[in-house]
């Protein structure tokens, strides 16, 4: 059974205190949600939540928001939060295209994109999270000194992502086509579920860090 088809997942999400249900009303005022002015970092496409929950646990002085569009996948993250609540982490169920409606200008400190849907057909290129269309959206919400970290096991998507940087006006700070054999970039690396799975099979993990 596909996770996104779990019966009742939307109702369970609607009842969860760990999910921000009308995030647009907090645009520019996310300090109200967290009750402090700590930096805000977001993961777009958080999956089951392992990565962002590990980060929140390791960095209590940073606020995190995990974004996921599939209800039944997000439900897994909620279940983990019920077992181990983290005060510096909230979830949103939404489409990534709505990101500028949810966060204000320069409100986000860092953006994580992990193992995003490759959307392999050319006509769907603008839906890819590292596309120039999305980079324009990130430019609106990211602090001027903020960065984006992108990881994938998909070589074609990674090459596409690299090609999008110059037209969108972004700068490549760090890059590797074999993360787990790059000592510098592996320092402090936090793995996702997919990363652990793919790397255990011997697949290389691609990563970049970019800024403007």
C-alpha atoms as a PDB file:
ATOM      1  CA  UNK A   1       0.000   0.000   0.000  1.00  0.00           C
ATOM      2  CA  UNK A   2       1.303   3.424  -0.897  1.00  0.00           C
ATOM      3  CA  UNK A   3       1.754   5.657   2.115  1.00  0.00           C
ATOM      4  CA  UNK A   4      -0.140   8.504   0.517  1.00  0.00           C
ATOM      5  CA  UNK A   5      -3.321   6.396   0.486  1.00  0.00           C
ATOM      6  CA  UNK A   6      -3.669   5.634   4.210  1.00  0.00           C
ATOM      7  CA  UNK A   7      -7.330   6.033   5.120  1.00  0.00           C
ATOM      8  CA  UNK A   8      -8.052   8.810   7.597  1.00  0.00           C
ATOM      9  CA  UNK A   9      -4.629  10.452   7.376  1.00  0.00           C
ATOM     10  CA  UNK A  10      -6.027  13.895   6.564  1.00  0.00           C
ATOM     11  CA  UNK A  11      -8.382  13.760   9.524  1.00  0.00           C
ATOM     12  CA  UNK A  12      -5.531  12.787  11.851  1.00  0.00           C
ATOM     13  CA  UNK A  13      -3.396  15.620  10.507  1.00  0.00           C
ATOM     14  CA  UNK A  14      -6.254  18.087  11.006  1.00  0.00           C
ATOM     15  CA  UNK A  15      -6.441  17.091  14.668  1.00  0.00           C
ATOM     16  CA  UNK A  16      -2.697  17.346  15.333  1.00  0.00           C
ATOM     17  CA  UNK A  17      -1.184  20.127  17.425  1.00  0.00           C
ATOM     18  CA  UNK A  18       2.144  19.569  15.676  1.00  0.00           C
ATOM     19  CA  UNK A  19       0.757  20.835  12.352  1.00  0.00           C
ATOM     20  CA  UNK A  20       0.178  24.491  11.480  1.00  0.00           C
ATOM     21  CA  UNK A  21      -3.205  24.336   9.788  1.00  0.00           C
ATOM     22  CA  UNK A  22      -3.499  27.864   8.366  1.00  0.00           C
ATOM     23  CA  UNK A  23       0.142  28.810   7.832  1.00  0.00           C
ATOM     24  CA  UNK A  24      -0.626  31.774   5.558  1.00  0.00           C
ATOM     25  CA  UNK A  25      -1.826  33.788   8.545  1.00  0.00           C
ATOM     26  CA  UNK A  26       1.643  33.599  10.098  1.00  0.00           C
ATOM     27  CA  UNK A  27       3.495  34.888   7.041  1.00  0.00           C
ATOM     28  CA  UNK A  28       6.115  37.287   8.372  1.00  0.00           C
ATOM     29  CA  UNK A  29       5.218  36.435  11.976  1.00  0.00           C
ATOM     30  CA  UNK A  30       6.529  32.948  12.614  1.00  0.00           C
ATOM     31  CA  UNK A  31       8.015  34.208  15.877  1.00  0.00           C
ATOM     32  CA  UNK A  32       4.445  33.982  17.219  1.00  0.00           C
ATOM     33  CA  UNK A  33       4.400  30.230  16.585  1.00  0.00           C
ATOM     34  CA  UNK A  34       7.722  29.509  18.261  1.00  0.00           C
ATOM     35  CA  UNK A  35       7.593  32.223  20.912  1.00  0.00           C
ATOM     36  CA  UNK A  36      11.159  33.363  20.186  1.00  0.00           C
ATOM     37  CA  UNK A  37      13.280  34.993  17.495  1.00  0.00           C
ATOM     38  CA  UNK A  38      15.599  32.066  16.795  1.00  0.00           C
ATOM     39  CA  UNK A  39      16.556  31.383  13.153  1.00  0.00           C
ATOM     40  CA  UNK A  40      13.989  29.465  11.095  1.00  0.00           C
ATOM     41  CA  UNK A  41      15.077  26.635   8.810  1.00  0.00           C
ATOM     42  CA  UNK A  42      12.737  24.651   6.582  1.00  0.00           C
ATOM     43  CA  UNK A  43      12.796  21.330   4.777  1.00  0.00           C
ATOM     44  CA  UNK A  44      10.641  21.151   1.666  1.00  0.00           C
ATOM     45  CA  UNK A  45       9.555  17.566   1.101  1.00  0.00           C
ATOM     46  CA  UNK A  46      10.333  16.229   4.586  1.00  0.00           C
ATOM     47  CA  UNK A  47       9.013  12.719   3.987  1.00  0.00           C
ATOM     48  CA  UNK A  48       8.628  10.790   7.249  1.00  0.00           C
ATOM     49  CA  UNK A  49      10.533  13.452   9.171  1.00  0.00           C
ATOM     50  CA  UNK A  50      13.717  11.707  10.266  1.00  0.00           C
ATOM     51  CA  UNK A  51      16.096  14.376   8.930  1.00  0.00           C
ATOM     52  CA  UNK A  52      14.365  17.443  10.310  1.00  0.00           C
ATOM     53  CA  UNK A  53      13.577  15.813  13.643  1.00  0.00           C
ATOM     54  CA  UNK A  54      17.236  14.888  14.075  1.00  0.00           C
ATOM     55  CA  UNK A  55      18.225  18.485  13.299  1.00  0.00           C
ATOM     56  CA  UNK A  56      15.661  19.903  15.739  1.00  0.00           C
ATOM     57  CA  UNK A  57      16.883  17.544  18.460  1.00  0.00           C
ATOM     58  CA  UNK A  58      20.522  18.503  17.853  1.00  0.00           C
ATOM     59  CA  UNK A  59      19.892  22.270  17.611  1.00  0.00           C
ATOM     60  CA  UNK A  60      17.389  23.447  20.254  1.00  0.00           C
ATOM     61  CA  UNK A  61      18.205  27.111  19.549  1.00  0.00           C
ATOM     62  CA  UNK A  62      17.056  26.855  15.929  1.00  0.00           C
ATOM     63  CA  UNK A  63      13.423  26.619  14.822  1.00  0.00           C
ATOM     64  CA  UNK A  64      12.422  24.147  12.120  1.00  0.00           C
ATOM     65  CA  UNK A  65       9.433  23.730   9.832  1.00  0.00           C
ATOM     66  CA  UNK A  66       8.919  20.519   7.886  1.00  0.00           C
ATOM     67  CA  UNK A  67       6.811  20.766   4.723  1.00  0.00           C
ATOM     68  CA  UNK A  68       5.200  17.746   3.088  1.00  0.00           C
ATOM     69  CA  UNK A  69       2.365  17.514   0.562  1.00  0.00           C
ATOM     70  CA  UNK A  70       1.410  13.854   1.006  1.00  0.00           C
ATOM     71  CA  UNK A  71      -0.863  13.369   3.995  1.00  0.00           C
ATOM     72  CA  UNK A  72      -0.005   9.774   4.681  1.00  0.00           C
ATOM     73  CA  UNK A  73       3.727  10.498   4.583  1.00  0.00           C
ATOM     74  CA  UNK A  74       3.340  13.483   6.908  1.00  0.00           C
ATOM     75  CA  UNK A  75       1.360  11.277   9.272  1.00  0.00           C
ATOM     76  CA  UNK A  76       4.516   9.257   9.940  1.00  0.00           C
ATOM     77  CA  UNK A  77       6.281  12.400  11.095  1.00  0.00           C
ATOM     78  CA  UNK A  78       3.384  13.299  13.351  1.00  0.00           C
ATOM     79  CA  UNK A  79       3.476   9.860  14.925  1.00  0.00           C
ATOM     80  CA  UNK A  80       7.190  10.314  15.655  1.00  0.00           C
ATOM     81  CA  UNK A  81       6.508  13.712  17.213  1.00  0.00           C
ATOM     82  CA  UNK A  82       3.811  12.192  19.424  1.00  0.00           C
ATOM     83  CA  UNK A  83       6.409   9.743  20.718  1.00  0.00           C
ATOM     84  CA  UNK A  84       9.067  12.456  21.148  1.00  0.00           C
ATOM     85  CA  UNK A  85       7.712  16.045  21.093  1.00  0.00           C
ATOM     86  CA  UNK A  86      10.171  18.723  19.990  1.00  0.00           C
ATOM     87  CA  UNK A  87       9.281  22.336  20.908  1.00  0.00           C
ATOM     88  CA  UNK A  88      11.319  23.827  18.043  1.00  0.00           C
ATOM     89  CA  UNK A  89       9.619  21.917  15.210  1.00  0.00           C
ATOM     90  CA  UNK A  90       6.272  22.196  13.429  1.00  0.00           C
ATOM     91  CA  UNK A  91       4.885  20.636  10.261  1.00  0.00           C
ATOM     92  CA  UNK A  92       2.852  21.976   7.351  1.00  0.00           C
ATOM     93  CA  UNK A  93       0.918  19.969   4.770  1.00  0.00           C
ATOM     94  CA  UNK A  94       1.068  22.020   1.592  1.00  0.00           C
ATOM     95  CA  UNK A  95       2.282  22.226  -1.987  1.00  0.00           C
ATOM     96  CA  UNK A  96       5.777  23.660  -2.338  1.00  0.00           C
ATOM     97  CA  UNK A  97       4.541  26.204  -4.898  1.00  0.00           C
ATOM     98  CA  UNK A  98       2.757  28.041  -2.054  1.00  0.00           C
ATOM     99  CA  UNK A  99       5.946  28.725  -0.115  1.00  0.00           C
ATOM    100  CA  UNK A 100       5.961  32.511  -0.628  1.00  0.00           C
ATOM    101  CA  UNK A 101       2.419  32.695   0.734  1.00  0.00           C
ATOM    102  CA  UNK A 102       3.550  31.113   3.991  1.00  0.00           C
ATOM    103  CA  UNK A 103       6.889  32.799   4.723  1.00  0.00           C
ATOM    104  CA  UNK A 104       7.676  36.493   4.467  1.00  0.00           C
ATOM    105  CA  UNK A 105      10.651  38.184   2.849  1.00  0.00           C
ATOM    106  CA  UNK A 106      13.943  37.057   4.403  1.00  0.00           C
ATOM    107  CA  UNK A 107      12.083  35.134   7.117  1.00  0.00           C
ATOM    108  CA  UNK A 108      13.919  31.844   6.535  1.00  0.00           C
ATOM    109  CA  UNK A 109      17.544  31.226   7.493  1.00  0.00           C
ATOM    110  CA  UNK A 110      18.179  27.991   5.524  1.00  0.00           C
ATOM    111  CA  UNK A 111      16.333  25.672   3.149  1.00  0.00           C
ATOM    112  CA  UNK A 112      16.860  21.922   2.860  1.00  0.00           C
ATOM    113  CA  UNK A 113      15.870  19.928  -0.232  1.00  0.00           C
ATOM    114  CA  UNK A 114      16.393  16.204   0.242  1.00  0.00           C
ATOM    115  CA  UNK A 115      15.772  13.516  -2.374  1.00  0.00           C
ATOM    116  CA  UNK A 116      13.144  15.564  -4.151  1.00  0.00           C
ATOM    117  CA  UNK A 117      10.827  14.155  -6.814  1.00  0.00           C
ATOM    118  CA  UNK A 118      12.876  14.254 -10.055  1.00  0.00           C
ATOM    119  CA  UNK A 119       9.872  14.927 -12.324  1.00  0.00           C
ATOM    120  CA  UNK A 120      11.780  13.251 -15.207  1.00  0.00           C
ATOM    121  CA  UNK A 121       9.664  14.522 -18.101  1.00  0.00           C
ATOM    122  CA  UNK A 122      10.963  17.743 -19.669  1.00  0.00           C
ATOM    123  CA  UNK A 123       7.543  19.385 -19.603  1.00  0.00           C
ATOM    124  CA  UNK A 124       7.549  19.081 -15.793  1.00  0.00           C
ATOM    125  CA  UNK A 125      10.952  20.741 -15.292  1.00  0.00           C
ATOM    126  CA  UNK A 126       9.491  23.787 -13.547  1.00  0.00           C
ATOM    127  CA  UNK A 127       8.029  21.491 -10.867  1.00  0.00           C
ATOM    128  CA  UNK A 128      11.467  20.300  -9.780  1.00  0.00           C
ATOM    129  CA  UNK A 129      12.380  21.842  -6.440  1.00  0.00           C
ATOM    130  CA  UNK A 130      15.880  22.963  -7.559  1.00  0.00           C
ATOM    131  CA  UNK A 131      14.517  24.573 -10.747  1.00  0.00           C
ATOM    132  CA  UNK A 132      15.021  28.261 -11.509  1.00  0.00           C
ATOM    133  CA  UNK A 133      11.307  28.805 -10.895  1.00  0.00           C
ATOM    134  CA  UNK A 134      11.653  27.520  -7.348  1.00  0.00           C
ATOM    135  CA  UNK A 135      14.962  29.311  -6.842  1.00  0.00           C
ATOM    136  CA  UNK A 136      13.090  32.567  -7.476  1.00  0.00           C
ATOM    137  CA  UNK A 137      10.608  31.615  -4.767  1.00  0.00           C
ATOM    138  CA  UNK A 138      13.393  30.762  -2.336  1.00  0.00           C
ATOM    139  CA  UNK A 139      15.041  34.110  -3.096  1.00  0.00           C
ATOM    140  CA  UNK A 140      11.976  35.864  -1.704  1.00  0.00           C
ATOM    141  CA  UNK A 141      11.857  34.096   1.651  1.00  0.00           C
ATOM    142  CA  UNK A 142      15.550  33.402   2.341  1.00  0.00           C
ATOM    143  CA  UNK A 143      17.770  35.795   4.259  1.00  0.00           C
ATOM    144  CA  UNK A 144      20.429  37.478   2.152  1.00  0.00           C
ATOM    145  CA  UNK A 145      23.137  35.424   3.856  1.00  0.00           C
ATOM    146  CA  UNK A 146      21.037  32.243   3.801  1.00  0.00           C
ATOM    147  CA  UNK A 147      21.879  29.044   1.959  1.00  0.00           C
ATOM    148  CA  UNK A 148      20.156  26.093   0.321  1.00  0.00           C
ATOM    149  CA  UNK A 149      21.367  22.538   0.838  1.00  0.00           C
ATOM    150  CA  UNK A 150      20.278  19.975  -1.749  1.00  0.00           C
ATOM    151  CA  UNK A 151      20.894  16.200  -1.665  1.00  0.00           C
ATOM    152  CA  UNK A 152      19.812  13.532  -4.140  1.00  0.00           C
ATOM    153  CA  UNK A 153      20.786  10.144  -5.498  1.00  0.00           C
ATOM    154  CA  UNK A 154      19.465  11.072  -8.960  1.00  0.00           C
ATOM    155  CA  UNK A 155      22.338  12.077 -11.262  1.00  0.00           C
ATOM    156  CA  UNK A 156      20.125  13.604 -13.949  1.00  0.00           C
ATOM    157  CA  UNK A 157      18.293  15.753 -11.405  1.00  0.00           C
ATOM    158  CA  UNK A 158      21.585  16.873  -9.911  1.00  0.00           C
ATOM    159  CA  UNK A 159      23.016  17.908 -13.278  1.00  0.00           C
ATOM    160  CA  UNK A 160      19.789  19.781 -13.975  1.00  0.00           C
ATOM    161  CA  UNK A 161      20.048  21.520 -10.597  1.00  0.00           C
ATOM    162  CA  UNK A 162      23.612  22.629 -11.304  1.00  0.00           C
ATOM    163  CA  UNK A 163      22.634  23.977 -14.735  1.00  0.00           C
ATOM    164  CA  UNK A 164      19.851  26.073 -13.180  1.00  0.00           C
ATOM    165  CA  UNK A 165      22.133  28.038 -10.856  1.00  0.00           C
ATOM    166  CA  UNK A 166      23.708  30.545 -13.238  1.00  0.00           C
ATOM    167  CA  UNK A 167      20.466  31.547 -15.023  1.00  0.00           C
ATOM    168  CA  UNK A 168      18.826  32.034 -11.615  1.00  0.00           C
ATOM    169  CA  UNK A 169      21.721  34.070 -10.219  1.00  0.00           C
ATOM    170  CA  UNK A 170      22.865  31.648  -7.507  1.00  0.00           C
ATOM    171  CA  UNK A 171      26.430  30.790  -6.500  1.00  0.00           C
ATOM    172  CA  UNK A 172      27.795  27.304  -5.906  1.00  0.00           C
ATOM    173  CA  UNK A 173      29.534  27.257  -2.497  1.00  0.00           C
ATOM    174  CA  UNK A 174      30.210  23.528  -2.106  1.00  0.00           C
ATOM    175  CA  UNK A 175      29.512  20.513  -4.290  1.00  0.00           C
ATOM    176  CA  UNK A 176      30.216  16.795  -4.356  1.00  0.00           C
ATOM    177  CA  UNK A 177      29.108  13.854  -6.447  1.00  0.00           C
ATOM    178  CA  UNK A 178      30.004  11.369  -3.701  1.00  0.00           C
ATOM    179  CA  UNK A 179      29.002  12.876  -0.374  1.00  0.00           C
ATOM    180  CA  UNK A 180      29.837   9.880   1.781  1.00  0.00           C
ATOM    181  CA  UNK A 181      33.436   9.922   0.553  1.00  0.00           C
ATOM    182  CA  UNK A 182      33.872  13.680   0.969  1.00  0.00           C
ATOM    183  CA  UNK A 183      35.306  14.227   4.435  1.00  0.00           C
ATOM    184  CA  UNK A 184      34.670  17.967   4.526  1.00  0.00           C
ATOM    185  CA  UNK A 185      31.030  17.863   3.421  1.00  0.00           C
ATOM    186  CA  UNK A 186      30.262  14.797   5.529  1.00  0.00           C
ATOM    187  CA  UNK A 187      31.252  16.662   8.675  1.00  0.00           C
ATOM    188  CA  UNK A 188      28.006  17.063  10.635  1.00  0.00           C
ATOM    189  CA  UNK A 189      25.951  15.347   7.913  1.00  0.00           C
ATOM    190  CA  UNK A 190      22.474  14.273   9.003  1.00  0.00           C
ATOM    191  CA  UNK A 191      20.999  11.454   6.937  1.00  0.00           C
ATOM    192  CA  UNK A 192      17.469  10.997   5.659  1.00  0.00           C
ATOM    193  CA  UNK A 193      15.726   7.646   5.378  1.00  0.00           C
ATOM    194  CA  UNK A 194      16.386   7.595   1.630  1.00  0.00           C
ATOM    195  CA  UNK A 195      20.009   8.559   2.083  1.00  0.00           C
ATOM    196  CA  UNK A 196      20.641   5.681   4.451  1.00  0.00           C
ATOM    197  CA  UNK A 197      18.902   3.258   2.099  1.00  0.00           C
ATOM    198  CA  UNK A 198      20.613   4.359  -1.101  1.00  0.00           C
ATOM    199  CA  UNK A 199      24.085   4.767   0.386  1.00  0.00           C
ATOM    200  CA  UNK A 200      23.883   1.291   1.935  1.00  0.00           C
ATOM    201  CA  UNK A 201      23.379  -0.042  -1.598  1.00  0.00           C
ATOM    202  CA  UNK A 202      26.549   1.694  -2.730  1.00  0.00           C
ATOM    203  CA  UNK A 203      24.776   4.498  -4.605  1.00  0.00           C
ATOM    204  CA  UNK A 204      26.617   7.851  -4.603  1.00  0.00           C
ATOM    205  CA  UNK A 205      24.855  10.761  -2.932  1.00  0.00           C
ATOM    206  CA  UNK A 206      25.086  14.132  -4.680  1.00  0.00           C
ATOM    207  CA  UNK A 207      25.003  17.370  -2.713  1.00  0.00           C
ATOM    208  CA  UNK A 208      25.419  21.084  -3.193  1.00  0.00           C
ATOM    209  CA  UNK A 209      25.252  24.146  -0.961  1.00  0.00           C
ATOM    210  CA  UNK A 210      24.362  27.387  -2.729  1.00  0.00           C
ATOM    211  CA  UNK A 211      23.952  31.063  -1.914  1.00  0.00           C
ATOM    212  CA  UNK A 212      23.337  34.283  -3.805  1.00  0.00           C
END
